[in-house]
Amino acid sequence: MREQFFRPYPQAGWPVMSIVVRTTHAPATFTALVKKAMADFLPDRPVSGFDNMEDVVRNSTGSRRFPMLLLSVFSVVALALAAVGIAGVVSHSVAQRTHEIGIRMALGAGTLDVLRLMVNINMVWVMAGLAAGIAGSAGLTRLLTGTLYDVRPLDPLVLGTVSLLLAAVALLASYLPARSAAKIDPIVALRCE
């Protein structure tokens, strides 16, 4: 802890002083009472400006608000691009494996089996990507610590929520093309080559 000392305000006052008042009711109802108490205590110092604590906190984090908004927008765009990319890869995989899917279905595989096959292959890659992403975020948290507000760098709730969101989006992006693969008519798929 660094050394500190206190001196009376009337002895060597700063040009500006902030006073914090805790109230049990709405702060605006106490404005006149606080002004009167300050005028009685320090009659030569004018009282100006009243803010509630929510405004003070909002103003103190104002410089970080735009970068965080921009980061949020980029995150949503990245999530949409990831979903489109996964859906494209699964669609391409379905197109490449149409003959194999037809053979599997001709040999007795049900639509659920084909659906599970296509989704499981992609979800293995998604889980590997999530593990790499969590490891990367753990390594890079020191760079972002200064920009975080009201969140710990390795908050398990935030990491878990984001991981579940990404896994759900990836599952949906894998499921939609895989569902079309499960509806392939085996005769048409075998005639495809």
C-alpha atoms as a PDB file:
ATOM      1  CA  MET A   1       0.000   0.000   0.000  1.00  0.00           C
ATOM      2  CA  ARG A   2       1.437   3.382  -0.891  1.00  0.00           C
ATOM      3  CA  GLU A   3       1.815   6.104   1.689  1.00  0.00           C
ATOM      4  CA  GLN A   4      -0.947   8.694   2.086  1.00  0.00           C
ATOM      5  CA  PHE A   5      -1.629  11.739   4.180  1.00  0.00           C
ATOM      6  CA  PHE A   6      -4.755  13.780   4.799  1.00  0.00           C
ATOM      7  CA  ARG A   7      -5.028  17.488   5.289  1.00  0.00           C
ATOM      8  CA  PRO A   8      -8.086  19.595   6.095  1.00  0.00           C
ATOM      9  CA  TYR A   9      -9.820  21.067   3.070  1.00  0.00           C
ATOM     10  CA  PRO A  10      -9.939  24.646   4.451  1.00  0.00           C
ATOM     11  CA  GLN A  11      -6.159  24.541   5.003  1.00  0.00           C
ATOM     12  CA  ALA A  12      -5.202  23.837   1.371  1.00  0.00           C
ATOM     13  CA  GLY A  13      -8.279  23.282  -0.744  1.00  0.00           C
ATOM     14  CA  TRP A  14      -8.331  22.074  -4.302  1.00  0.00           C
ATOM     15  CA  PRO A  15     -10.253  24.092  -6.863  1.00  0.00           C
ATOM     16  CA  VAL A  16     -12.820  21.294  -7.147  1.00  0.00           C
ATOM     17  CA  MET A  17     -14.134  18.928  -4.520  1.00  0.00           C
ATOM     18  CA  SER A  18     -16.601  16.072  -4.880  1.00  0.00           C
ATOM     19  CA  ILE A  19     -18.828  14.977  -2.047  1.00  0.00           C
ATOM     20  CA  VAL A  20     -20.740  11.708  -2.109  1.00  0.00           C
ATOM     21  CA  VAL A  21     -24.032  11.425  -0.238  1.00  0.00           C
ATOM     22  CA  ARG A  22     -25.790   8.126   0.297  1.00  0.00           C
ATOM     23  CA  THR A  23     -29.586   8.364   0.435  1.00  0.00           C
ATOM     24  CA  THR A  24     -32.354   5.917   1.171  1.00  0.00           C
ATOM     25  CA  HIS A  25     -34.765   7.554  -1.287  1.00  0.00           C
ATOM     26  CA  ALA A  26     -34.428   9.196  -4.692  1.00  0.00           C
ATOM     27  CA  PRO A  27     -31.309  11.424  -4.681  1.00  0.00           C
ATOM     28  CA  ALA A  28     -33.071  14.315  -6.410  1.00  0.00           C
ATOM     29  CA  THR A  29     -35.240  14.923  -3.333  1.00  0.00           C
ATOM     30  CA  PHE A  30     -32.144  15.707  -1.246  1.00  0.00           C
ATOM     31  CA  THR A  31     -30.574  18.283  -3.581  1.00  0.00           C
ATOM     32  CA  ALA A  32     -31.831  21.327  -1.676  1.00  0.00           C
ATOM     33  CA  LEU A  33     -30.878  19.835   1.704  1.00  0.00           C
ATOM     34  CA  VAL A  34     -27.334  19.035   0.525  1.00  0.00           C
ATOM     35  CA  LYS A  35     -26.908  22.533  -0.940  1.00  0.00           C
ATOM     36  CA  LYS A  36     -28.062  24.087   2.339  1.00  0.00           C
ATOM     37  CA  ALA A  37     -25.740  21.877   4.418  1.00  0.00           C
ATOM     38  CA  MET A  38     -22.787  22.753   2.162  1.00  0.00           C
ATOM     39  CA  ALA A  39     -23.610  26.471   2.338  1.00  0.00           C
ATOM     40  CA  ASP A  40     -23.709  26.254   6.146  1.00  0.00           C
ATOM     41  CA  PHE A  41     -20.422  24.336   6.327  1.00  0.00           C
ATOM     42  CA  LEU A  42     -18.430  26.137   3.601  1.00  0.00           C
ATOM     43  CA  PRO A  43     -20.221  29.440   2.841  1.00  0.00           C
ATOM     44  CA  ASP A  44     -17.445  30.757   0.573  1.00  0.00           C
ATOM     45  CA  ARG A  45     -17.528  27.709  -1.749  1.00  0.00           C
ATOM     46  CA  PRO A  46     -20.302  27.538  -4.365  1.00  0.00           C
ATOM     47  CA  VAL A  47     -22.071  24.230  -4.957  1.00  0.00           C
ATOM     48  CA  SER A  48     -22.538  23.207  -8.563  1.00  0.00           C
ATOM     49  CA  GLY A  49     -23.532  20.056 -10.331  1.00  0.00           C
ATOM     50  CA  PHE A  50     -25.361  17.105  -8.874  1.00  0.00           C
ATOM     51  CA  ASP A  51     -25.032  13.627 -10.372  1.00  0.00           C
ATOM     52  CA  ASN A  52     -26.307  10.294  -9.201  1.00  0.00           C
ATOM     53  CA  MET A  53     -23.812   7.448  -8.958  1.00  0.00           C
ATOM     54  CA  GLU A  54     -25.174   5.650 -12.034  1.00  0.00           C
ATOM     55  CA  ASP A  55     -24.310   8.706 -14.163  1.00  0.00           C
ATOM     56  CA  VAL A  56     -20.853   8.943 -12.600  1.00  0.00           C
ATOM     57  CA  VAL A  57     -20.137   5.280 -13.394  1.00  0.00           C
ATOM     58  CA  ARG A  58     -21.562   5.628 -16.923  1.00  0.00           C
ATOM     59  CA  ASN A  59     -19.392   8.690 -17.592  1.00  0.00           C
ATOM     60  CA  SER A  60     -16.288   6.973 -16.222  1.00  0.00           C
ATOM     61  CA  THR A  61     -16.733   4.068 -18.649  1.00  0.00           C
ATOM     62  CA  GLY A  62     -17.741   6.248 -21.594  1.00  0.00           C
ATOM     63  CA  SER A  63     -14.368   6.028 -23.342  1.00  0.00           C
ATOM     64  CA  ARG A  64     -14.659   2.249 -23.399  1.00  0.00           C
ATOM     65  CA  ARG A  65     -18.259   2.130 -24.599  1.00  0.00           C
ATOM     66  CA  PHE A  66     -17.619   2.633 -28.333  1.00  0.00           C
ATOM     67  CA  PRO A  67     -14.769   0.087 -28.603  1.00  0.00           C
ATOM     68  CA  MET A  68     -16.906  -2.462 -26.749  1.00  0.00           C
ATOM     69  CA  LEU A  69     -19.881  -1.750 -29.035  1.00  0.00           C
ATOM     70  CA  LEU A  70     -17.620  -2.143 -32.055  1.00  0.00           C
ATOM     71  CA  LEU A  71     -16.216  -5.378 -30.635  1.00  0.00           C
ATOM     72  CA  SER A  72     -19.749  -6.670 -30.053  1.00  0.00           C
ATOM     73  CA  VAL A  73     -20.765  -5.885 -33.637  1.00  0.00           C
ATOM     74  CA  PHE A  74     -17.664  -7.628 -34.973  1.00  0.00           C
ATOM     75  CA  SER A  75     -18.413 -10.617 -32.739  1.00  0.00           C
ATOM     76  CA  VAL A  76     -21.929 -10.950 -34.130  1.00  0.00           C
ATOM     77  CA  VAL A  77     -20.589 -10.670 -37.696  1.00  0.00           C
ATOM     78  CA  ALA A  78     -17.944 -13.310 -36.906  1.00  0.00           C
ATOM     79  CA  LEU A  79     -20.616 -15.608 -35.459  1.00  0.00           C
ATOM     80  CA  ALA A  80     -22.741 -15.215 -38.595  1.00  0.00           C
ATOM     81  CA  LEU A  81     -19.719 -15.886 -40.831  1.00  0.00           C
ATOM     82  CA  ALA A  82     -18.835 -18.961 -38.781  1.00  0.00           C
ATOM     83  CA  ALA A  83     -22.384 -20.289 -39.115  1.00  0.00           C
ATOM     84  CA  VAL A  84     -22.402 -19.700 -42.879  1.00  0.00           C
ATOM     85  CA  GLY A  85     -18.957 -21.310 -43.171  1.00  0.00           C
ATOM     86  CA  ILE A  86     -19.963 -24.393 -41.202  1.00  0.00           C
ATOM     87  CA  ALA A  87     -23.178 -24.755 -43.210  1.00  0.00           C
ATOM     88  CA  GLY A  88     -21.164 -24.441 -46.434  1.00  0.00           C
ATOM     89  CA  VAL A  89     -18.627 -27.063 -45.356  1.00  0.00           C
ATOM     90  CA  VAL A  90     -21.372 -29.483 -44.312  1.00  0.00           C
ATOM     91  CA  SER A  91     -23.262 -28.882 -47.575  1.00  0.00           C
ATOM     92  CA  HIS A  92     -20.088 -29.540 -49.539  1.00  0.00           C
ATOM     93  CA  SER A  93     -19.437 -32.672 -47.485  1.00  0.00           C
ATOM     94  CA  VAL A  94     -22.975 -33.870 -48.169  1.00  0.00           C
ATOM     95  CA  ALA A  95     -22.495 -33.279 -51.897  1.00  0.00           C
ATOM     96  CA  GLN A  96     -19.176 -35.137 -51.850  1.00  0.00           C
ATOM     97  CA  ARG A  97     -20.580 -38.054 -49.868  1.00  0.00           C
ATOM     98  CA  THR A  98     -23.933 -38.430 -51.614  1.00  0.00           C
ATOM     99  CA  HIS A  99     -22.962 -41.815 -53.056  1.00  0.00           C
ATOM    100  CA  GLU A 100     -21.729 -43.045 -49.633  1.00  0.00           C
ATOM    101  CA  ILE A 101     -24.916 -41.824 -47.955  1.00  0.00           C
ATOM    102  CA  GLY A 102     -26.974 -43.629 -50.588  1.00  0.00           C
ATOM    103  CA  ILE A 103     -25.083 -46.877 -49.963  1.00  0.00           C
ATOM    104  CA  ARG A 104     -25.503 -46.521 -46.201  1.00  0.00           C
ATOM    105  CA  MET A 105     -29.238 -45.937 -46.591  1.00  0.00           C
ATOM    106  CA  ALA A 106     -29.569 -48.833 -49.052  1.00  0.00           C
ATOM    107  CA  LEU A 107     -27.871 -51.091 -46.502  1.00  0.00           C
ATOM    108  CA  GLY A 108     -30.364 -50.090 -43.826  1.00  0.00           C
ATOM    109  CA  ALA A 109     -29.120 -46.888 -42.219  1.00  0.00           C
ATOM    110  CA  GLY A 110     -31.996 -44.737 -41.098  1.00  0.00           C
ATOM    111  CA  THR A 111     -32.352 -41.001 -41.475  1.00  0.00           C
ATOM    112  CA  LEU A 112     -31.330 -40.574 -37.836  1.00  0.00           C
ATOM    113  CA  ASP A 113     -28.118 -42.543 -38.468  1.00  0.00           C
ATOM    114  CA  VAL A 114     -27.194 -40.354 -41.449  1.00  0.00           C
ATOM    115  CA  LEU A 115     -28.062 -37.212 -39.523  1.00  0.00           C
ATOM    116  CA  ARG A 116     -25.941 -38.332 -36.569  1.00  0.00           C
ATOM    117  CA  LEU A 117     -23.007 -39.214 -38.859  1.00  0.00           C
ATOM    118  CA  MET A 118     -22.936 -35.828 -40.567  1.00  0.00           C
ATOM    119  CA  VAL A 119     -23.444 -33.784 -37.392  1.00  0.00           C
ATOM    120  CA  ASN A 120     -20.969 -35.765 -35.257  1.00  0.00           C
ATOM    121  CA  ILE A 121     -18.116 -35.322 -37.734  1.00  0.00           C
ATOM    122  CA  ASN A 122     -18.560 -31.563 -37.719  1.00  0.00           C
ATOM    123  CA  MET A 123     -19.137 -31.213 -33.993  1.00  0.00           C
ATOM    124  CA  VAL A 124     -15.781 -32.908 -33.296  1.00  0.00           C
ATOM    125  CA  TRP A 125     -14.109 -30.070 -35.204  1.00  0.00           C
ATOM    126  CA  VAL A 126     -16.273 -27.484 -33.459  1.00  0.00           C
ATOM    127  CA  MET A 127     -15.320 -28.835 -30.020  1.00  0.00           C
ATOM    128  CA  ALA A 128     -11.634 -28.791 -30.988  1.00  0.00           C
ATOM    129  CA  GLY A 129     -12.060 -25.178 -32.115  1.00  0.00           C
ATOM    130  CA  LEU A 130     -13.800 -24.248 -28.859  1.00  0.00           C
ATOM    131  CA  ALA A 131     -11.001 -25.829 -26.832  1.00  0.00           C
ATOM    132  CA  ALA A 132      -8.394 -23.910 -28.852  1.00  0.00           C
ATOM    133  CA  GLY A 133     -10.424 -20.705 -28.472  1.00  0.00           C
ATOM    134  CA  ILE A 134     -10.707 -21.060 -24.702  1.00  0.00           C
ATOM    135  CA  ALA A 135      -6.977 -21.771 -24.446  1.00  0.00           C
ATOM    136  CA  GLY A 136      -6.243 -18.738 -26.634  1.00  0.00           C
ATOM    137  CA  SER A 137      -8.525 -16.499 -24.598  1.00  0.00           C
ATOM    138  CA  ALA A 138      -6.833 -17.669 -21.401  1.00  0.00           C
ATOM    139  CA  GLY A 139      -3.488 -16.711 -22.902  1.00  0.00           C
ATOM    140  CA  LEU A 140      -4.607 -13.302 -24.150  1.00  0.00           C
ATOM    141  CA  THR A 141      -6.604 -12.110 -21.128  1.00  0.00           C
ATOM    142  CA  ARG A 142      -3.747  -9.955 -19.888  1.00  0.00           C
ATOM    143  CA  LEU A 143      -4.084  -7.793 -22.987  1.00  0.00           C
ATOM    144  CA  LEU A 144      -7.807  -7.235 -22.403  1.00  0.00           C
ATOM    145  CA  THR A 145      -7.835  -6.827 -18.623  1.00  0.00           C
ATOM    146  CA  GLY A 146      -7.810  -3.018 -18.883  1.00  0.00           C
ATOM    147  CA  THR A 147     -10.912  -2.955 -21.107  1.00  0.00           C
ATOM    148  CA  LEU A 148     -13.077  -5.272 -19.015  1.00  0.00           C
ATOM    149  CA  TYR A 149     -15.687  -3.758 -16.735  1.00  0.00           C
ATOM    150  CA  ASP A 150     -17.560  -5.808 -14.162  1.00  0.00           C
ATOM    151  CA  VAL A 151     -16.215  -9.070 -15.658  1.00  0.00           C
ATOM    152  CA  ARG A 152     -13.232 -11.092 -14.499  1.00  0.00           C
ATOM    153  CA  PRO A 153     -10.781 -12.068 -17.269  1.00  0.00           C
ATOM    154  CA  LEU A 154     -11.403 -15.828 -16.967  1.00  0.00           C
ATOM    155  CA  ASP A 155     -15.011 -15.698 -15.806  1.00  0.00           C
ATOM    156  CA  PRO A 156     -16.351 -19.261 -16.153  1.00  0.00           C
ATOM    157  CA  LEU A 157     -19.927 -18.031 -16.629  1.00  0.00           C
ATOM    158  CA  VAL A 158     -18.968 -15.825 -19.582  1.00  0.00           C
ATOM    159  CA  LEU A 159     -16.693 -18.454 -21.156  1.00  0.00           C
ATOM    160  CA  GLY A 160     -19.325 -21.148 -20.665  1.00  0.00           C
ATOM    161  CA  THR A 161     -22.139 -19.016 -22.081  1.00  0.00           C
ATOM    162  CA  VAL A 162     -20.138 -18.011 -25.142  1.00  0.00           C
ATOM    163  CA  SER A 163     -18.991 -21.601 -25.692  1.00  0.00           C
ATOM    164  CA  LEU A 164     -22.573 -22.870 -25.473  1.00  0.00           C
ATOM    165  CA  LEU A 165     -23.739 -20.169 -27.882  1.00  0.00           C
ATOM    166  CA  LEU A 166     -21.033 -21.050 -30.394  1.00  0.00           C
ATOM    167  CA  ALA A 167     -21.730 -24.773 -30.035  1.00  0.00           C
ATOM    168  CA  ALA A 168     -25.478 -24.199 -30.523  1.00  0.00           C
ATOM    169  CA  VAL A 169     -24.914 -22.095 -33.639  1.00  0.00           C
ATOM    170  CA  ALA A 170     -22.497 -24.710 -35.008  1.00  0.00           C
ATOM    171  CA  LEU A 171     -24.963 -27.499 -34.230  1.00  0.00           C
ATOM    172  CA  LEU A 172     -27.743 -25.666 -36.061  1.00  0.00           C
ATOM    173  CA  ALA A 173     -25.445 -24.872 -38.989  1.00  0.00           C
ATOM    174  CA  SER A 174     -24.479 -28.571 -39.169  1.00  0.00           C
ATOM    175  CA  TYR A 175     -27.994 -29.867 -38.674  1.00  0.00           C
ATOM    176  CA  LEU A 176     -29.707 -28.035 -41.531  1.00  0.00           C
ATOM    177  CA  PRO A 177     -27.542 -29.437 -44.380  1.00  0.00           C
ATOM    178  CA  ALA A 178     -27.327 -32.827 -42.646  1.00  0.00           C
ATOM    179  CA  ARG A 179     -31.126 -32.964 -42.556  1.00  0.00           C
ATOM    180  CA  SER A 180     -31.210 -32.602 -46.320  1.00  0.00           C
ATOM    181  CA  ALA A 181     -28.625 -35.422 -46.557  1.00  0.00           C
ATOM    182  CA  ALA A 182     -30.846 -37.636 -44.442  1.00  0.00           C
ATOM    183  CA  LYS A 183     -33.723 -37.111 -46.897  1.00  0.00           C
ATOM    184  CA  ILE A 184     -31.717 -38.341 -49.902  1.00  0.00           C
ATOM    185  CA  ASP A 185     -33.440 -41.135 -51.795  1.00  0.00           C
ATOM    186  CA  PRO A 186     -30.975 -44.062 -51.880  1.00  0.00           C
ATOM    187  CA  ILE A 187     -31.811 -44.937 -55.512  1.00  0.00           C
ATOM    188  CA  VAL A 188     -31.164 -41.354 -56.669  1.00  0.00           C
ATOM    189  CA  ALA A 189     -27.953 -41.202 -54.617  1.00  0.00           C
ATOM    190  CA  LEU A 190     -26.664 -44.456 -56.080  1.00  0.00           C
ATOM    191  CA  ARG A 191     -27.525 -43.330 -59.610  1.00  0.00           C
ATOM    192  CA  CYS A 192     -25.662 -40.088 -58.936  1.00  0.00           C
ATOM    193  CA  GLU A 193     -22.274 -41.517 -60.017  1.00  0.00           C
END
